[in-house]
């Protein structure tokens, strides 16, 4: 469940960043666009932690 929530959060931040960027707020769009890999990396980290607990 958490992995799906984090994926949706990353997708929404990507869409929001693109909307800001193409509306002319390039700095804000770039800043929010940098959140996407961080959110996805956090999801991978949580998945790795859960796998090590189950082993």
PDB file of N, CA and C in Angstrom:
ATOM      1  N   UNK A   1       0.820  -1.198   0.000  1.00  0.00           N
ATOM      2  CA  UNK A   1       0.000   0.000   0.000  1.00  0.00           C
ATOM      3  C   UNK A   1       0.860   1.257   0.000  1.00  0.00           C
ATOM      4  N   UNK A   2       1.913   1.262   0.805  1.00  0.00           N
ATOM      5  CA  UNK A   2       2.772   2.442   0.882  1.00  0.00           C
ATOM      6  C   UNK A   2       3.503   2.684  -0.426  1.00  0.00           C
ATOM      7  N   UNK A   3       3.857   1.597  -1.136  1.00  0.00           N
ATOM      8  CA  UNK A   3       4.561   1.768  -2.398  1.00  0.00           C
ATOM      9  C   UNK A   3       3.665   2.422  -3.447  1.00  0.00           C
ATOM     10  N   UNK A   4       2.394   2.072  -3.437  1.00  0.00           N
ATOM     11  CA  UNK A   4       1.461   2.699  -4.382  1.00  0.00           C
ATOM     12  C   UNK A   4       1.246   4.168  -4.037  1.00  0.00           C
ATOM     13  N   UNK A   5       1.174   4.463  -2.751  1.00  0.00           N
ATOM     14  CA  UNK A   5       0.992   5.849  -2.318  1.00  0.00           C
ATOM     15  C   UNK A   5       2.192   6.709  -2.703  1.00  0.00           C
ATOM     16  N   UNK A   6       3.384   6.175  -2.519  1.00  0.00           N
ATOM     17  CA  UNK A   6       4.585   6.916  -2.896  1.00  0.00           C
ATOM     18  C   UNK A   6       4.686   7.083  -4.405  1.00  0.00           C
ATOM     19  N   UNK A   7       4.267   6.072  -5.165  1.00  0.00           N
ATOM     20  CA  UNK A   7       4.268   6.200  -6.625  1.00  0.00           C
ATOM     21  C   UNK A   7       3.296   7.278  -7.085  1.00  0.00           C
ATOM     22  N   UNK A   8       2.127   7.328  -6.477  1.00  0.00           N
ATOM     23  CA  UNK A   8       1.147   8.363  -6.820  1.00  0.00           C
ATOM     24  C   UNK A   8       1.678   9.745  -6.435  1.00  0.00           C
ATOM     25  N   UNK A   9       2.335   9.846  -5.295  1.00  0.00           N
ATOM     26  CA  UNK A   9       2.919  11.121  -4.877  1.00  0.00           C
ATOM     27  C   UNK A   9       3.991  11.577  -5.860  1.00  0.00           C
ATOM     28  N   UNK A  10       4.823  10.650  -6.331  1.00  0.00           N
ATOM     29  CA  UNK A  10       5.855  10.994  -7.302  1.00  0.00           C
ATOM     30  C   UNK A  10       5.232  11.420  -8.625  1.00  0.00           C
ATOM     31  N   UNK A  11       4.211  10.715  -9.042  1.00  0.00           N
ATOM     32  CA  UNK A  11       3.538  11.052 -10.298  1.00  0.00           C
ATOM     33  C   UNK A  11       2.864  12.417 -10.217  1.00  0.00           C
ATOM     34  N   UNK A  12       2.199  12.693  -9.100  1.00  0.00           N
ATOM     35  CA  UNK A  12       1.548  13.989  -8.936  1.00  0.00           C
ATOM     36  C   UNK A  12       2.558  15.130  -8.870  1.00  0.00           C
ATOM     37  N   UNK A  13       3.681  14.912  -8.214  1.00  0.00           N
ATOM     38  CA  UNK A  13       4.688  15.963  -8.161  1.00  0.00           C
ATOM     39  C   UNK A  13       5.301  16.198  -9.539  1.00  0.00           C
ATOM     40  N   UNK A  14       5.436  15.142 -10.335  1.00  0.00           N
ATOM     41  CA  UNK A  14       5.934  15.304 -11.700  1.00  0.00           C
ATOM     42  C   UNK A  14       4.961  16.123 -12.541  1.00  0.00           C
ATOM     43  N   UNK A  15       3.691  15.820 -12.437  1.00  0.00           N
ATOM     44  CA  UNK A  15       2.677  16.560 -13.197  1.00  0.00           C
ATOM     45  C   UNK A  15       2.625  18.015 -12.743  1.00  0.00           C
ATOM     46  N   UNK A  16       2.662  18.239 -11.450  1.00  0.00           N
ATOM     47  CA  UNK A  16       2.629  19.597 -10.915  1.00  0.00           C
ATOM     48  C   UNK A  16       3.872  20.381 -11.340  1.00  0.00           C
ATOM     49  N   UNK A  17       5.022  19.720 -11.328  1.00  0.00           N
ATOM     50  CA  UNK A  17       6.265  20.375 -11.733  1.00  0.00           C
ATOM     51  C   UNK A  17       6.221  20.761 -13.204  1.00  0.00           C
ATOM     52  N   UNK A  18       5.712  19.876 -14.044  1.00  0.00           N
ATOM     53  CA  UNK A  18       5.606  20.190 -15.469  1.00  0.00           C
ATOM     54  C   UNK A  18       4.627  21.327 -15.708  1.00  0.00           C
ATOM     55  N   UNK A  19       3.530  21.331 -14.971  1.00  0.00           N
ATOM     56  CA  UNK A  19       2.556  22.415 -15.124  1.00  0.00           C
ATOM     57  C   UNK A  19       3.180  23.759 -14.740  1.00  0.00           C
ATOM     58  N   UNK A  20       3.901  23.779 -13.641  1.00  0.00           N
ATOM     59  CA  UNK A  20       4.567  25.017 -13.239  1.00  0.00           C
ATOM     60  C   UNK A  20       5.617  25.449 -14.254  1.00  0.00           C
ATOM     61  N   UNK A  21       6.388  24.494 -14.729  1.00  0.00           N
ATOM     62  CA  UNK A  21       7.473  24.805 -15.655  1.00  0.00           C
ATOM     63  C   UNK A  21       6.931  25.419 -16.946  1.00  0.00           C
ATOM     64  N   UNK A  22       5.870  24.820 -17.487  1.00  0.00           N
ATOM     65  CA  UNK A  22       5.342  25.302 -18.756  1.00  0.00           C
ATOM     66  C   UNK A  22       4.465  26.544 -18.604  1.00  0.00           C
ATOM     67  N   UNK A  23       4.095  26.883 -17.374  1.00  0.00           N
ATOM     68  CA  UNK A  23       3.378  28.133 -17.134  1.00  0.00           C
ATOM     69  C   UNK A  23       4.339  29.298 -16.946  1.00  0.00           C
ATOM     70  N   UNK A  24       5.631  29.023 -16.947  1.00  0.00           N
ATOM     71  CA  UNK A  24       6.614  30.084 -16.831  1.00  0.00           C
ATOM     72  C   UNK A  24       7.349  30.133 -15.518  1.00  0.00           C
ATOM     73  N   UNK A  25       6.938  29.349 -14.548  1.00  0.00           N
ATOM     74  CA  UNK A  25       7.628  29.290 -13.260  1.00  0.00           C
ATOM     75  C   UNK A  25       8.701  28.212 -13.331  1.00  0.00           C
ATOM     76  N   UNK A  26       9.737  28.482 -14.115  1.00  0.00           N
ATOM     77  CA  UNK A  26      10.749  27.451 -14.378  1.00  0.00           C
ATOM     78  C   UNK A  26      11.517  27.051 -13.128  1.00  0.00           C
ATOM     79  N   UNK A  27      11.846  27.994 -12.269  1.00  0.00           N
ATOM     80  CA  UNK A  27      12.604  27.662 -11.058  1.00  0.00           C
ATOM     81  C   UNK A  27      11.760  26.801 -10.110  1.00  0.00           C
ATOM     82  N   UNK A  28      10.499  27.164  -9.921  1.00  0.00           N
ATOM     83  CA  UNK A  28       9.629  26.375  -9.050  1.00  0.00           C
ATOM     84  C   UNK A  28       9.371  24.989  -9.635  1.00  0.00           C
ATOM     85  N   UNK A  29       9.158  24.918 -10.945  1.00  0.00           N
ATOM     86  CA  UNK A  29       8.940  23.630 -11.591  1.00  0.00           C
ATOM     87  C   UNK A  29      10.141  22.716 -11.476  1.00  0.00           C
ATOM     88  N   UNK A  30      11.329  23.281 -11.622  1.00  0.00           N
ATOM     89  CA  UNK A  30      12.549  22.488 -11.482  1.00  0.00           C
ATOM     90  C   UNK A  30      12.721  22.016 -10.048  1.00  0.00           C
ATOM     91  N   UNK A  31      12.443  22.888  -9.088  1.00  0.00           N
ATOM     92  CA  UNK A  31      12.572  22.516  -7.676  1.00  0.00           C
ATOM     93  C   UNK A  31      11.637  21.360  -7.327  1.00  0.00           C
ATOM     94  N   UNK A  32      10.394  21.448  -7.732  1.00  0.00           N
ATOM     95  CA  UNK A  32       9.442  20.383  -7.418  1.00  0.00           C
ATOM     96  C   UNK A  32       9.756  19.129  -8.236  1.00  0.00           C
ATOM     97  N   UNK A  33      10.279  19.311  -9.440  1.00  0.00           N
ATOM     98  CA  UNK A  33      10.678  18.166 -10.244  1.00  0.00           C
ATOM     99  C   UNK A  33      11.788  17.357  -9.602  1.00  0.00           C
ATOM    100  N   UNK A  34      12.605  18.006  -8.789  1.00  0.00           N
ATOM    101  CA  UNK A  34      13.675  17.283  -8.095  1.00  0.00           C
ATOM    102  C   UNK A  34      13.138  16.399  -6.968  1.00  0.00           C
ATOM    103  N   UNK A  35      11.894  16.587  -6.574  1.00  0.00           N
ATOM    104  CA  UNK A  35      11.302  15.742  -5.540  1.00  0.00           C
ATOM    105  C   UNK A  35      11.048  14.330  -6.043  1.00  0.00           C
ATOM    106  N   UNK A  36      10.792  14.188  -7.348  1.00  0.00           N
ATOM    107  CA  UNK A  36      10.370  12.900  -7.901  1.00  0.00           C
ATOM    108  C   UNK A  36      11.397  11.793  -7.623  1.00  0.00           C
ATOM    109  N   UNK A  37      12.668  11.967  -7.981  1.00  0.00           N
ATOM    110  CA  UNK A  37      13.605  10.876  -7.679  1.00  0.00           C
ATOM    111  C   UNK A  37      13.785  10.640  -6.179  1.00  0.00           C
ATOM    112  N   UNK A  38      13.637  11.689  -5.383  1.00  0.00           N
ATOM    113  CA  UNK A  38      13.754  11.508  -3.931  1.00  0.00           C
ATOM    114  C   UNK A  38      12.605  10.662  -3.389  1.00  0.00           C
ATOM    115  N   UNK A  39      11.407  10.913  -3.862  1.00  0.00           N
ATOM    116  CA  UNK A  39      10.245  10.136  -3.421  1.00  0.00           C
ATOM    117  C   UNK A  39      10.398   8.676  -3.853  1.00  0.00           C
ATOM    118  N   UNK A  40      10.818   8.465  -5.100  1.00  0.00           N
ATOM    119  CA  UNK A  40      10.992   7.099  -5.587  1.00  0.00           C
ATOM    120  C   UNK A  40      12.112   6.377  -4.842  1.00  0.00           C
ATOM    121  N   UNK A  41      13.197   7.080  -4.547  1.00  0.00           N
ATOM    122  CA  UNK A  41      14.291   6.472  -3.791  1.00  0.00           C
ATOM    123  C   UNK A  41      13.842   6.110  -2.383  1.00  0.00           C
ATOM    124  N   UNK A  42      13.019   6.937  -1.769  1.00  0.00           N
ATOM    125  CA  UNK A  42      12.491   6.627  -0.446  1.00  0.00           C
ATOM    126  C   UNK A  42      11.615   5.381  -0.487  1.00  0.00           C
ATOM    127  N   UNK A  43      10.840   5.237  -1.561  1.00  0.00           N
ATOM    128  CA  UNK A  43      10.025   4.035  -1.723  1.00  0.00           C
ATOM    129  C   UNK A  43      10.874   2.782  -1.866  1.00  0.00           C
ATOM    130  N   UNK A  44      11.970   2.887  -2.613  1.00  0.00           N
ATOM    131  CA  UNK A  44      12.883   1.754  -2.758  1.00  0.00           C
ATOM    132  C   UNK A  44      13.519   1.423  -1.415  1.00  0.00           C
ATOM    133  N   UNK A  45      13.904   2.450  -0.679  1.00  0.00           N
ATOM    134  CA  UNK A  45      14.501   2.232   0.654  1.00  0.00           C
ATOM    135  C   UNK A  45      13.528   1.495   1.566  1.00  0.00           C
ATOM    136  N   UNK A  46      12.277   1.925   1.593  1.00  0.00           N
ATOM    137  CA  UNK A  46      11.290   1.251   2.438  1.00  0.00           C
ATOM    138  C   UNK A  46      11.089  -0.200   2.015  1.00  0.00           C
ATOM    139  N   UNK A  47      11.087  -0.449   0.712  1.00  0.00           N
ATOM    140  CA  UNK A  47      10.927  -1.808   0.228  1.00  0.00           C
ATOM    141  C   UNK A  47      12.115  -2.679   0.637  1.00  0.00           C
ATOM    142  N   UNK A  48      13.310  -2.122   0.585  1.00  0.00           N
ATOM    143  CA  UNK A  48      14.497  -2.874   1.012  1.00  0.00           C
ATOM    144  C   UNK A  48      14.462  -3.172   2.503  1.00  0.00           C
ATOM    145  N   UNK A  49      14.041  -2.199   3.291  1.00  0.00           N
ATOM    146  CA  UNK A  49      13.953  -2.401   4.738  1.00  0.00           C
ATOM    147  C   UNK A  49      12.932  -3.489   5.068  1.00  0.00           C
ATOM    148  N   UNK A  50      11.798  -3.482   4.385  1.00  0.00           N
ATOM    149  CA  UNK A  50      10.776  -4.508   4.631  1.00  0.00           C
ATOM    150  C   UNK A  50      11.263  -5.884   4.217  1.00  0.00           C
ATOM    151  N   UNK A  51      12.053  -5.977   3.149  1.00  0.00           N
ATOM    152  CA  UNK A  51      12.566  -7.279   2.715  1.00  0.00           C
ATOM    153  C   UNK A  51      13.572  -7.839   3.708  1.00  0.00           C
ATOM    154  N   UNK A  52      14.385  -6.977   4.306  1.00  0.00           N
ATOM    155  CA  UNK A  52      15.357  -7.475   5.269  1.00  0.00           C
ATOM    156  C   UNK A  52      14.693  -7.885   6.584  1.00  0.00           C
ATOM    157  N   UNK A  53      13.576  -7.267   6.917  1.00  0.00           N
ATOM    158  CA  UNK A  53      12.865  -7.668   8.134  1.00  0.00           C
ATOM    159  C   UNK A  53      12.217  -9.025   7.956  1.00  0.00           C
ATOM    160  N   UNK A  54      11.780  -9.323   6.729  1.00  0.00           N
ATOM    161  CA  UNK A  54      11.100 -10.604   6.467  1.00  0.00           C
ATOM    162  C   UNK A  54      12.077 -11.765   6.340  1.00  0.00           C
ATOM    163  N   UNK A  55      13.344 -11.508   6.124  1.00  0.00           N
ATOM    164  CA  UNK A  55      14.336 -12.580   5.953  1.00  0.00           C
ATOM    165  C   UNK A  55      14.794 -13.179   7.251  1.00  0.00           C
TER     166      UNK A  55
END
